[in-house]
Amino acid sequence: MTPLLPDPAPAVHAEALIRDDRGQVLLVRAGDGGTWALPGGPVADEEPALALLRVLAERFGGSAETGRLLAVDTESPAAGRRTRLVFLHAVHAVDGTVDGGNGWVLPSTAAFHPEHEATALLAPPAARRLAAAVDAQRGAHTAVLRDGHRTPMGPRDHYAQLPAPMAAATALVTDTSGRVLVLHPGYKDHLELPGGMVEAHEDPGQAAARELMEELSLGVPVGRLLVVDTTPASATRHGRALACFVFDTAPLTPEQAEGLVFADGEIRAASWLPPEEAVRRLPPFLGARVSAALRAREAGTVVHLEAGRPARRS
């Protein structure tokens, strides 16, 4: 069998963006006084994410899992080095923090640094690559770079990749006797309101209508906006800002109220509760949205909440 000739393709490298429980970034360096770099190493005949886990296990031990691909950077050839493709993934410790156990052992040549300090310690283009990866981690895109610089793209793609808050749409559904509809999801341990996340091709009103049909087989017009509840990234479960839009619907007749069908299987049951009981039994932030929506319906206004509380804007 004829041996394979060396492939003139670019070299491939994998890097990790690893944070501690304070959000600091892990950097490593080659020996005392060496230059700082993000953890990682060369990729052999393997998937870059798997190569990254292998390199991290060899260097630090412990269990890890790769998260999102945050950046792909094409580094121009340098003296004695081919063009290099760098795949930068988010990496998370499994069931524990990197700096607090779970088998991870950090040598003296590895340390966590605040984001701005980590960026200052890295040489270009690695510093630019880290900054782009941090932006991507806060948003919903993968940064495509050349020597750490963003590659040119048209306005449509540029705006499609801008970091933005998550958006959710909820409907206030009541019946003709004034009761509020709450749902019993099979995937949560608390009551919910009808609704869900807004998809990229929808406006919030369209998302609310879609969720009513998917969850309840309920095809009713979505009315006016009642509440906007904005929550900063620091107060959300997944570390990204959230804007929730609560829309009105016309009261359901007794026949409509009894004819709900849980078509997608995510909802186990539904309850019609007096408003006070619905507010009490829902999680506080959802109860606050119901209270605000009922007030807005009565007054013909729109209420702005911040993380379930009245907005404090001067």
C-alpha atoms as a PDB file:
ATOM      1  CA  MET A   1       0.000   0.000   0.000  1.00  0.00           C
ATOM      2  CA  THR A   2       1.373   3.398  -0.997  1.00  0.00           C
ATOM      3  CA  PRO A   3       1.994   5.515   2.125  1.00  0.00           C
ATOM      4  CA  LEU A   4       0.024   8.722   2.444  1.00  0.00           C
ATOM      5  CA  LEU A   5       1.938  11.851   1.515  1.00  0.00           C
ATOM      6  CA  PRO A   6       1.991  14.805   3.911  1.00  0.00           C
ATOM      7  CA  ASP A   7      -1.161  16.838   3.486  1.00  0.00           C
ATOM      8  CA  PRO A   8      -0.506  20.521   2.686  1.00  0.00           C
ATOM      9  CA  ALA A   9      -3.757  21.526   4.409  1.00  0.00           C
ATOM     10  CA  PRO A  10      -3.782  24.080   7.241  1.00  0.00           C
ATOM     11  CA  ALA A  11      -2.846  22.957  10.736  1.00  0.00           C
ATOM     12  CA  VAL A  12      -5.814  22.686  13.121  1.00  0.00           C
ATOM     13  CA  HIS A  13      -5.810  23.822  16.740  1.00  0.00           C
ATOM     14  CA  ALA A  14      -8.521  23.672  19.423  1.00  0.00           C
ATOM     15  CA  GLU A  15      -8.880  26.149  22.292  1.00  0.00           C
ATOM     16  CA  ALA A  16     -11.172  26.387  25.319  1.00  0.00           C
ATOM     17  CA  LEU A  17     -12.930  29.273  27.004  1.00  0.00           C
ATOM     18  CA  ILE A  18     -13.187  28.002  30.591  1.00  0.00           C
ATOM     19  CA  ARG A  19     -14.607  30.102  33.411  1.00  0.00           C
ATOM     20  CA  ASP A  20     -14.619  29.744  37.167  1.00  0.00           C
ATOM     21  CA  ASP A  21     -17.664  30.413  39.338  1.00  0.00           C
ATOM     22  CA  ARG A  22     -16.868  34.152  39.251  1.00  0.00           C
ATOM     23  CA  GLY A  23     -16.766  34.265  35.473  1.00  0.00           C
ATOM     24  CA  GLN A  24     -12.983  34.615  35.241  1.00  0.00           C
ATOM     25  CA  VAL A  25     -11.135  33.105  32.267  1.00  0.00           C
ATOM     26  CA  LEU A  26      -8.550  30.333  32.546  1.00  0.00           C
ATOM     27  CA  LEU A  27      -5.167  30.989  30.896  1.00  0.00           C
ATOM     28  CA  VAL A  28      -2.080  28.783  30.738  1.00  0.00           C
ATOM     29  CA  ARG A  29       1.532  29.430  29.866  1.00  0.00           C
ATOM     30  CA  ALA A  30       4.528  27.349  28.837  1.00  0.00           C
ATOM     31  CA  GLY A  31       6.749  27.243  31.911  1.00  0.00           C
ATOM     32  CA  ASP A  32       7.581  30.081  34.286  1.00  0.00           C
ATOM     33  CA  GLY A  33       7.569  33.383  32.493  1.00  0.00           C
ATOM     34  CA  GLY A  34       6.165  31.951  29.275  1.00  0.00           C
ATOM     35  CA  THR A  35       3.541  33.701  27.205  1.00  0.00           C
ATOM     36  CA  TRP A  36      -0.087  33.256  28.221  1.00  0.00           C
ATOM     37  CA  ALA A  37      -2.559  31.368  26.034  1.00  0.00           C
ATOM     38  CA  LEU A  38      -5.996  29.845  26.206  1.00  0.00           C
ATOM     39  CA  PRO A  39      -5.949  26.133  27.112  1.00  0.00           C
ATOM     40  CA  GLY A  40      -5.812  23.878  24.089  1.00  0.00           C
ATOM     41  CA  GLY A  41      -3.593  22.091  21.634  1.00  0.00           C
ATOM     42  CA  PRO A  42      -3.183  20.650  18.151  1.00  0.00           C
ATOM     43  CA  VAL A  43      -5.857  18.468  16.593  1.00  0.00           C
ATOM     44  CA  ALA A  44      -4.846  15.087  15.220  1.00  0.00           C
ATOM     45  CA  ASP A  45      -7.087  12.935  13.011  1.00  0.00           C
ATOM     46  CA  GLU A  46     -10.098  13.692  15.227  1.00  0.00           C
ATOM     47  CA  GLU A  47     -12.946  16.097  15.774  1.00  0.00           C
ATOM     48  CA  PRO A  48     -11.700  19.413  17.235  1.00  0.00           C
ATOM     49  CA  ALA A  49     -14.076  19.222  20.214  1.00  0.00           C
ATOM     50  CA  LEU A  50     -12.871  15.705  21.068  1.00  0.00           C
ATOM     51  CA  ALA A  51      -9.248  16.779  20.660  1.00  0.00           C
ATOM     52  CA  LEU A  52      -9.904  19.595  23.095  1.00  0.00           C
ATOM     53  CA  LEU A  53     -11.319  17.240  25.732  1.00  0.00           C
ATOM     54  CA  ARG A  54      -8.320  14.936  25.261  1.00  0.00           C
ATOM     55  CA  VAL A  55      -5.829  17.779  25.686  1.00  0.00           C
ATOM     56  CA  LEU A  56      -7.628  19.133  28.768  1.00  0.00           C
ATOM     57  CA  ALA A  57      -7.781  15.690  30.380  1.00  0.00           C
ATOM     58  CA  GLU A  58      -4.066  15.187  29.777  1.00  0.00           C
ATOM     59  CA  ARG A  59      -3.193  18.584  31.229  1.00  0.00           C
ATOM     60  CA  PHE A  60      -5.689  19.016  34.065  1.00  0.00           C
ATOM     61  CA  GLY A  61      -7.492  15.714  34.645  1.00  0.00           C
ATOM     62  CA  GLY A  62     -11.132  15.851  35.687  1.00  0.00           C
ATOM     63  CA  SER A  63     -14.267  15.653  33.603  1.00  0.00           C
ATOM     64  CA  ALA A  64     -15.360  18.285  31.121  1.00  0.00           C
ATOM     65  CA  GLU A  65     -17.873  18.793  28.366  1.00  0.00           C
ATOM     66  CA  THR A  66     -17.644  21.021  25.327  1.00  0.00           C
ATOM     67  CA  GLY A  67     -20.298  23.649  24.882  1.00  0.00           C
ATOM     68  CA  ARG A  68     -20.923  25.975  21.951  1.00  0.00           C
ATOM     69  CA  LEU A  69     -18.408  26.625  19.219  1.00  0.00           C
ATOM     70  CA  LEU A  70     -17.736  30.298  19.886  1.00  0.00           C
ATOM     71  CA  ALA A  71     -15.166  31.214  17.243  1.00  0.00           C
ATOM     72  CA  VAL A  72     -13.333  29.905  14.189  1.00  0.00           C
ATOM     73  CA  ASP A  73     -10.163  31.831  13.395  1.00  0.00           C
ATOM     74  CA  THR A  74      -7.903  31.479  10.352  1.00  0.00           C
ATOM     75  CA  GLU A  75      -4.394  32.529  11.341  1.00  0.00           C
ATOM     76  CA  SER A  76      -2.095  33.550   8.504  1.00  0.00           C
ATOM     77  CA  PRO A  77       1.113  31.530   8.060  1.00  0.00           C
ATOM     78  CA  ALA A  78       4.053  32.746  10.114  1.00  0.00           C
ATOM     79  CA  ALA A  79       7.741  31.929   9.936  1.00  0.00           C
ATOM     80  CA  GLY A  80       8.064  28.147  10.033  1.00  0.00           C
ATOM     81  CA  ARG A  81       4.324  27.633  10.499  1.00  0.00           C
ATOM     82  CA  ARG A  82       1.470  26.816   8.157  1.00  0.00           C
ATOM     83  CA  THR A  83      -1.858  28.536   8.042  1.00  0.00           C
ATOM     84  CA  ARG A  84      -3.695  27.505  11.194  1.00  0.00           C
ATOM     85  CA  LEU A  85      -7.411  27.014  11.834  1.00  0.00           C
ATOM     86  CA  VAL A  86      -8.381  27.596  15.463  1.00  0.00           C
ATOM     87  CA  PHE A  87     -11.681  26.257  16.832  1.00  0.00           C
ATOM     88  CA  LEU A  88     -12.568  27.933  20.135  1.00  0.00           C
ATOM     89  CA  HIS A  89     -15.216  26.146  22.218  1.00  0.00           C
ATOM     90  CA  ALA A  90     -16.825  26.927  25.540  1.00  0.00           C
ATOM     91  CA  VAL A  91     -15.880  24.163  27.982  1.00  0.00           C
ATOM     92  CA  HIS A  92     -17.589  23.374  31.278  1.00  0.00           C
ATOM     93  CA  ALA A  93     -16.602  21.114  34.142  1.00  0.00           C
ATOM     94  CA  VAL A  94     -19.011  18.225  34.641  1.00  0.00           C
ATOM     95  CA  ASP A  95     -20.924  18.462  37.949  1.00  0.00           C
ATOM     96  CA  GLY A  96     -18.502  20.904  39.482  1.00  0.00           C
ATOM     97  CA  THR A  97     -16.335  23.957  38.974  1.00  0.00           C
ATOM     98  CA  VAL A  98     -12.861  23.851  37.499  1.00  0.00           C
ATOM     99  CA  ASP A  99     -11.350  25.670  40.469  1.00  0.00           C
ATOM    100  CA  GLY A 100     -13.311  23.857  43.148  1.00  0.00           C
ATOM    101  CA  GLY A 101     -12.844  20.120  42.699  1.00  0.00           C
ATOM    102  CA  ASN A 102     -14.281  17.470  40.384  1.00  0.00           C
ATOM    103  CA  GLY A 103     -10.808  16.088  39.683  1.00  0.00           C
ATOM    104  CA  TRP A 104      -9.380  19.211  38.065  1.00  0.00           C
ATOM    105  CA  VAL A 105      -5.791  19.951  39.119  1.00  0.00           C
ATOM    106  CA  LEU A 106      -4.454  23.315  37.980  1.00  0.00           C
ATOM    107  CA  PRO A 107      -0.660  23.616  37.849  1.00  0.00           C
ATOM    108  CA  SER A 108       1.198  26.782  38.811  1.00  0.00           C
ATOM    109  CA  THR A 109       1.363  27.666  35.106  1.00  0.00           C
ATOM    110  CA  ALA A 110      -2.441  28.041  34.925  1.00  0.00           C
ATOM    111  CA  ALA A 111      -4.541  30.784  36.508  1.00  0.00           C
ATOM    112  CA  PHE A 112      -7.920  32.471  36.250  1.00  0.00           C
ATOM    113  CA  HIS A 113      -8.078  36.124  35.270  1.00  0.00           C
ATOM    114  CA  PRO A 114     -10.893  38.676  34.848  1.00  0.00           C
ATOM    115  CA  GLU A 115     -11.973  39.016  31.224  1.00  0.00           C
ATOM    116  CA  HIS A 116     -10.257  42.368  30.623  1.00  0.00           C
ATOM    117  CA  GLU A 117      -7.045  41.171  32.262  1.00  0.00           C
ATOM    118  CA  ALA A 118      -7.042  37.907  30.314  1.00  0.00           C
ATOM    119  CA  THR A 119      -7.432  39.793  27.051  1.00  0.00           C
ATOM    120  CA  ALA A 120      -4.554  42.124  27.977  1.00  0.00           C
ATOM    121  CA  LEU A 121      -2.254  39.171  28.777  1.00  0.00           C
ATOM    122  CA  LEU A 122      -2.781  37.434  25.447  1.00  0.00           C
ATOM    123  CA  ALA A 123      -0.796  38.311  22.359  1.00  0.00           C
ATOM    124  CA  PRO A 124      -2.671  39.174  19.169  1.00  0.00           C
ATOM    125  CA  PRO A 125      -4.522  37.590  17.431  1.00  0.00           C
ATOM    126  CA  ALA A 126      -5.382  35.442  20.483  1.00  0.00           C
ATOM    127  CA  ALA A 127      -6.526  38.520  22.409  1.00  0.00           C
ATOM    128  CA  ARG A 128      -8.867  39.523  19.592  1.00  0.00           C
ATOM    129  CA  ARG A 129     -10.089  35.930  19.328  1.00  0.00           C
ATOM    130  CA  LEU A 130     -10.926  35.825  23.040  1.00  0.00           C
ATOM    131  CA  ALA A 131     -12.796  39.146  22.827  1.00  0.00           C
ATOM    132  CA  ALA A 132     -14.820  37.852  19.862  1.00  0.00           C
ATOM    133  CA  ALA A 133     -15.560  34.592  21.696  1.00  0.00           C
ATOM    134  CA  VAL A 134     -16.794  36.493  24.762  1.00  0.00           C
ATOM    135  CA  ASP A 135     -19.141  38.501  22.535  1.00  0.00           C
ATOM    136  CA  ALA A 136     -20.361  35.288  20.904  1.00  0.00           C
ATOM    137  CA  GLN A 137     -20.932  33.671  24.288  1.00  0.00           C
ATOM    138  CA  ARG A 138     -23.153  36.582  25.281  1.00  0.00           C
ATOM    139  CA  GLY A 139     -25.027  36.387  21.993  1.00  0.00           C
ATOM    140  CA  ALA A 140     -26.245  33.627  19.731  1.00  0.00           C
ATOM    141  CA  HIS A 141     -23.631  33.403  16.980  1.00  0.00           C
ATOM    142  CA  THR A 142     -20.243  31.881  16.206  1.00  0.00           C
ATOM    143  CA  ALA A 143     -17.556  34.440  15.382  1.00  0.00           C
ATOM    144  CA  VAL A 144     -15.814  33.824  12.049  1.00  0.00           C
ATOM    145  CA  LEU A 145     -12.406  35.499  12.142  1.00  0.00           C
ATOM    146  CA  ARG A 146      -9.233  36.034  10.164  1.00  0.00           C
ATOM    147  CA  ASP A 147      -6.217  36.683  12.394  1.00  0.00           C
ATOM    148  CA  GLY A 148      -8.662  37.583  15.149  1.00  0.00           C
ATOM    149  CA  HIS A 149     -10.520  40.144  13.057  1.00  0.00           C
ATOM    150  CA  ARG A 150     -14.113  39.641  11.997  1.00  0.00           C
ATOM    151  CA  THR A 151     -14.435  38.650   8.370  1.00  0.00           C
ATOM    152  CA  PRO A 152     -16.381  41.100   6.165  1.00  0.00           C
ATOM    153  CA  MET A 153     -20.075  40.371   5.706  1.00  0.00           C
ATOM    154  CA  GLY A 154     -23.127  42.104   4.320  1.00  0.00           C
ATOM    155  CA  PRO A 155     -25.624  44.062   6.450  1.00  0.00           C
ATOM    156  CA  ARG A 156     -28.166  41.211   6.533  1.00  0.00           C
ATOM    157  CA  ASP A 157     -25.690  38.748   8.064  1.00  0.00           C
ATOM    158  CA  HIS A 158     -24.207  41.432  10.313  1.00  0.00           C
ATOM    159  CA  TYR A 159     -27.533  42.292  11.921  1.00  0.00           C
ATOM    160  CA  ALA A 160     -28.563  38.629  12.137  1.00  0.00           C
ATOM    161  CA  GLN A 161     -25.531  37.986  14.382  1.00  0.00           C
ATOM    162  CA  LEU A 162     -25.842  40.942  16.739  1.00  0.00           C
ATOM    163  CA  PRO A 163     -26.084  39.905  20.403  1.00  0.00           C
ATOM    164  CA  ALA A 164     -29.642  40.378  21.630  1.00  0.00           C
ATOM    165  CA  PRO A 165     -31.787  39.397  24.610  1.00  0.00           C
ATOM    166  CA  MET A 166     -33.816  36.225  24.493  1.00  0.00           C
ATOM    167  CA  ALA A 167     -37.512  36.891  23.882  1.00  0.00           C
ATOM    168  CA  ALA A 168     -40.529  35.023  25.215  1.00  0.00           C
ATOM    169  CA  ALA A 169     -44.242  35.487  24.544  1.00  0.00           C
ATOM    170  CA  THR A 170     -47.042  34.700  26.981  1.00  0.00           C
ATOM    171  CA  ALA A 171     -50.813  34.943  26.728  1.00  0.00           C
ATOM    172  CA  LEU A 172     -53.210  35.932  29.490  1.00  0.00           C
ATOM    173  CA  VAL A 173     -56.052  33.461  28.909  1.00  0.00           C
ATOM    174  CA  THR A 174     -59.222  33.881  30.959  1.00  0.00           C
ATOM    175  CA  ASP A 175     -62.757  32.529  30.663  1.00  0.00           C
ATOM    176  CA  THR A 176     -66.065  34.394  30.759  1.00  0.00           C
ATOM    177  CA  SER A 177     -66.262  33.988  34.538  1.00  0.00           C
ATOM    178  CA  GLY A 178     -62.872  35.719  35.007  1.00  0.00           C
ATOM    179  CA  ARG A 179     -60.797  32.662  35.872  1.00  0.00           C
ATOM    180  CA  VAL A 180     -57.160  32.504  34.733  1.00  0.00           C
ATOM    181  CA  LEU A 181     -55.745  29.552  32.819  1.00  0.00           C
ATOM    182  CA  VAL A 182     -52.562  27.995  34.258  1.00  0.00           C
ATOM    183  CA  LEU A 183     -50.778  24.970  32.873  1.00  0.00           C
ATOM    184  CA  HIS A 184     -49.143  21.896  34.410  1.00  0.00           C
ATOM    185  CA  PRO A 185     -46.072  21.166  32.217  1.00  0.00           C
ATOM    186  CA  GLY A 186     -44.602  17.696  32.216  1.00  0.00           C
ATOM    187  CA  TYR A 187     -41.030  19.071  32.145  1.00  0.00           C
ATOM    188  CA  LYS A 188     -41.253  21.559  35.057  1.00  0.00           C
ATOM    189  CA  ASP A 189     -42.121  21.248  38.723  1.00  0.00           C
ATOM    190  CA  HIS A 190     -44.201  24.439  38.842  1.00  0.00           C
ATOM    191  CA  LEU A 191     -47.275  25.882  37.155  1.00  0.00           C
ATOM    192  CA  GLU A 192     -46.820  27.880  33.968  1.00  0.00           C
ATOM    193  CA  LEU A 193     -48.656  30.305  31.713  1.00  0.00           C
ATOM    194  CA  PRO A 194     -49.351  29.539  28.053  1.00  0.00           C
ATOM    195  CA  GLY A 195     -46.452  30.641  25.896  1.00  0.00           C
ATOM    196  CA  GLY A 196     -42.819  30.033  25.048  1.00  0.00           C
ATOM    197  CA  MET A 197     -39.730  31.397  23.323  1.00  0.00           C
ATOM    198  CA  VAL A 198     -39.977  33.671  20.293  1.00  0.00           C
ATOM    199  CA  GLU A 199     -38.307  32.108  17.267  1.00  0.00           C
ATOM    200  CA  ALA A 200     -36.060  34.064  14.910  1.00  0.00           C
ATOM    201  CA  HIS A 201     -38.652  34.414  12.131  1.00  0.00           C
ATOM    202  CA  GLU A 202     -41.497  35.583  14.409  1.00  0.00           C
ATOM    203  CA  ASP A 203     -42.638  38.700  16.152  1.00  0.00           C
ATOM    204  CA  PRO A 204     -43.788  38.155  19.772  1.00  0.00           C
ATOM    205  CA  GLY A 205     -47.498  38.200  18.902  1.00  0.00           C
ATOM    206  CA  GLN A 206     -47.003  35.498  16.300  1.00  0.00           C
ATOM    207  CA  ALA A 207     -45.070  33.421  18.821  1.00  0.00           C
ATOM    208  CA  ALA A 208     -47.877  33.707  21.384  1.00  0.00           C
ATOM    209  CA  ALA A 209     -50.450  32.567  18.811  1.00  0.00           C
ATOM    210  CA  ARG A 210     -48.245  29.642  17.750  1.00  0.00           C
ATOM    211  CA  GLU A 211     -47.709  28.514  21.343  1.00  0.00           C
ATOM    212  CA  LEU A 212     -51.466  28.595  22.058  1.00  0.00           C
ATOM    213  CA  MET A 213     -52.051  26.318  19.094  1.00  0.00           C
ATOM    214  CA  GLU A 214     -49.144  23.977  19.857  1.00  0.00           C
ATOM    215  CA  GLU A 215     -49.799  23.652  23.579  1.00  0.00           C
ATOM    216  CA  LEU A 216     -53.591  23.828  23.714  1.00  0.00           C
ATOM    217  CA  SER A 217     -54.882  23.430  20.130  1.00  0.00           C
ATOM    218  CA  LEU A 218     -56.398  26.861  20.766  1.00  0.00           C
ATOM    219  CA  GLY A 219     -56.791  28.997  17.660  1.00  0.00           C
ATOM    220  CA  VAL A 220     -57.858  32.377  18.992  1.00  0.00           C
ATOM    221  CA  PRO A 221     -56.744  35.881  17.984  1.00  0.00           C
ATOM    222  CA  VAL A 222     -53.959  37.329  20.102  1.00  0.00           C
ATOM    223  CA  GLY A 223     -54.980  40.744  21.363  1.00  0.00           C
ATOM    224  CA  ARG A 224     -53.080  43.800  22.468  1.00  0.00           C
ATOM    225  CA  LEU A 225     -49.859  43.881  24.440  1.00  0.00           C
ATOM    226  CA  LEU A 226     -50.432  44.077  28.210  1.00  0.00           C
ATOM    227  CA  VAL A 227     -47.020  43.628  29.860  1.00  0.00           C
ATOM    228  CA  VAL A 228     -43.340  43.769  28.965  1.00  0.00           C
ATOM    229  CA  ASP A 229     -41.124  42.143  31.606  1.00  0.00           C
ATOM    230  CA  THR A 230     -37.394  42.709  31.063  1.00  0.00           C
ATOM    231  CA  THR A 231     -34.830  40.759  33.066  1.00  0.00           C
ATOM    232  CA  PRO A 232     -31.064  41.448  32.986  1.00  0.00           C
ATOM    233  CA  ALA A 233     -28.622  38.634  32.300  1.00  0.00           C
ATOM    234  CA  SER A 234     -27.454  38.644  35.929  1.00  0.00           C
ATOM    235  CA  ALA A 235     -30.934  37.605  37.094  1.00  0.00           C
ATOM    236  CA  THR A 236     -31.718  34.884  34.554  1.00  0.00           C
ATOM    237  CA  ARG A 237     -31.040  31.189  34.851  1.00  0.00           C
ATOM    238  CA  HIS A 238     -28.976  30.947  31.676  1.00  0.00           C
ATOM    239  CA  GLY A 239     -27.025  34.200  31.942  1.00  0.00           C
ATOM    240  CA  ARG A 240     -28.683  36.020  29.064  1.00  0.00           C
ATOM    241  CA  ALA A 241     -31.092  38.955  29.238  1.00  0.00           C
ATOM    242  CA  LEU A 242     -34.751  38.122  28.640  1.00  0.00           C
ATOM    243  CA  ALA A 243     -37.692  40.193  27.413  1.00  0.00           C
ATOM    244  CA  CYS A 244     -41.126  38.620  27.955  1.00  0.00           C
ATOM    245  CA  PHE A 245     -44.214  39.994  26.204  1.00  0.00           C
ATOM    246  CA  VAL A 246     -47.641  39.236  27.697  1.00  0.00           C
ATOM    247  CA  PHE A 247     -50.598  39.530  25.305  1.00  0.00           C
ATOM    248  CA  ASP A 248     -54.329  39.620  25.902  1.00  0.00           C
ATOM    249  CA  THR A 249     -56.874  37.178  24.491  1.00  0.00           C
ATOM    250  CA  ALA A 250     -60.662  37.398  24.452  1.00  0.00           C
ATOM    251  CA  PRO A 251     -62.331  35.453  27.309  1.00  0.00           C
ATOM    252  CA  LEU A 252     -63.019  31.851  26.347  1.00  0.00           C
ATOM    253  CA  THR A 253     -66.551  30.498  26.331  1.00  0.00           C
ATOM    254  CA  PRO A 254     -67.331  27.479  28.548  1.00  0.00           C
ATOM    255  CA  GLU A 255     -67.142  25.256  25.456  1.00  0.00           C
ATOM    256  CA  GLN A 256     -63.714  26.590  24.516  1.00  0.00           C
ATOM    257  CA  ALA A 257     -62.490  26.322  28.091  1.00  0.00           C
ATOM    258  CA  GLU A 258     -63.497  22.666  28.292  1.00  0.00           C
ATOM    259  CA  GLY A 259     -62.233  21.817  24.808  1.00  0.00           C
ATOM    260  CA  LEU A 260     -58.506  22.358  25.293  1.00  0.00           C
ATOM    261  CA  VAL A 261     -56.343  19.619  23.763  1.00  0.00           C
ATOM    262  CA  PHE A 262     -52.723  19.163  24.827  1.00  0.00           C
ATOM    263  CA  ALA A 263     -51.452  18.250  21.400  1.00  0.00           C
ATOM    264  CA  ASP A 264     -47.667  18.449  21.733  1.00  0.00           C
ATOM    265  CA  GLY A 265     -47.441  16.340  24.903  1.00  0.00           C
ATOM    266  CA  GLU A 266     -45.552  18.973  26.906  1.00  0.00           C
ATOM    267  CA  ILE A 267     -48.620  19.910  28.978  1.00  0.00           C
ATOM    268  CA  ARG A 268     -50.108  17.328  31.340  1.00  0.00           C
ATOM    269  CA  ALA A 269     -53.155  19.283  32.478  1.00  0.00           C
ATOM    270  CA  ALA A 270     -54.622  22.762  32.846  1.00  0.00           C
ATOM    271  CA  SER A 271     -56.442  24.492  35.688  1.00  0.00           C
ATOM    272  CA  TRP A 272     -58.871  27.427  35.712  1.00  0.00           C
ATOM    273  CA  LEU A 273     -58.195  29.424  38.864  1.00  0.00           C
ATOM    274  CA  PRO A 274     -59.558  32.632  40.376  1.00  0.00           C
ATOM    275  CA  PRO A 275     -57.028  35.414  39.767  1.00  0.00           C
ATOM    276  CA  GLU A 276     -55.907  35.596  43.395  1.00  0.00           C
ATOM    277  CA  GLU A 277     -55.297  31.851  43.540  1.00  0.00           C
ATOM    278  CA  ALA A 278     -53.475  31.839  40.205  1.00  0.00           C
ATOM    279  CA  VAL A 279     -51.131  34.592  41.428  1.00  0.00           C
ATOM    280  CA  ARG A 280     -50.527  32.709  44.678  1.00  0.00           C
ATOM    281  CA  ARG A 281     -49.828  29.330  43.109  1.00  0.00           C
ATOM    282  CA  LEU A 282     -47.644  30.499  40.237  1.00  0.00           C
ATOM    283  CA  PRO A 283     -43.937  31.271  40.809  1.00  0.00           C
ATOM    284  CA  PRO A 284     -43.620  34.878  42.022  1.00  0.00           C
ATOM    285  CA  PHE A 285     -42.352  36.299  38.717  1.00  0.00           C
ATOM    286  CA  LEU A 286     -45.222  34.675  36.801  1.00  0.00           C
ATOM    287  CA  GLY A 287     -47.756  35.745  39.397  1.00  0.00           C
ATOM    288  CA  ALA A 288     -46.474  39.298  39.052  1.00  0.00           C
ATOM    289  CA  ARG A 289     -47.038  39.141  35.295  1.00  0.00           C
ATOM    290  CA  VAL A 290     -50.624  37.959  35.795  1.00  0.00           C
ATOM    291  CA  SER A 291     -51.350  40.747  38.283  1.00  0.00           C
ATOM    292  CA  ALA A 292     -49.821  43.357  35.983  1.00  0.00           C
ATOM    293  CA  ALA A 293     -51.654  41.978  32.939  1.00  0.00           C
ATOM    294  CA  LEU A 294     -55.013  42.117  34.712  1.00  0.00           C
ATOM    295  CA  ARG A 295     -54.341  45.718  35.768  1.00  0.00           C
ATOM    296  CA  ALA A 296     -53.289  46.655  32.246  1.00  0.00           C
ATOM    297  CA  ARG A 297     -56.382  45.019  30.777  1.00  0.00           C
ATOM    298  CA  GLU A 298     -58.619  46.978  33.144  1.00  0.00           C
ATOM    299  CA  ALA A 299     -56.861  50.315  32.628  1.00  0.00           C
ATOM    300  CA  GLY A 300     -56.175  49.993  28.897  1.00  0.00           C
ATOM    301  CA  THR A 301     -52.435  50.481  29.432  1.00  0.00           C
ATOM    302  CA  VAL A 302     -49.188  48.573  29.031  1.00  0.00           C
ATOM    303  CA  VAL A 303     -47.194  47.763  32.193  1.00  0.00           C
ATOM    304  CA  HIS A 304     -43.404  47.555  32.190  1.00  0.00           C
ATOM    305  CA  LEU A 305     -41.867  45.198  34.744  1.00  0.00           C
ATOM    306  CA  GLU A 306     -38.244  44.508  35.523  1.00  0.00           C
ATOM    307  CA  ALA A 307     -37.701  40.921  36.671  1.00  0.00           C
ATOM    308  CA  GLY A 308     -41.319  40.788  37.812  1.00  0.00           C
ATOM    309  CA  ARG A 309     -41.231  44.094  39.697  1.00  0.00           C
ATOM    310  CA  PRO A 310     -42.503  47.542  38.692  1.00  0.00           C
ATOM    311  CA  ALA A 311     -39.902  49.205  36.480  1.00  0.00           C
ATOM    312  CA  ARG A 312     -37.979  52.024  38.102  1.00  0.00           C
ATOM    313  CA  ARG A 313     -37.158  54.419  35.273  1.00  0.00           C
ATOM    314  CA  SER A 314     -36.649  58.149  35.717  1.00  0.00           C
END
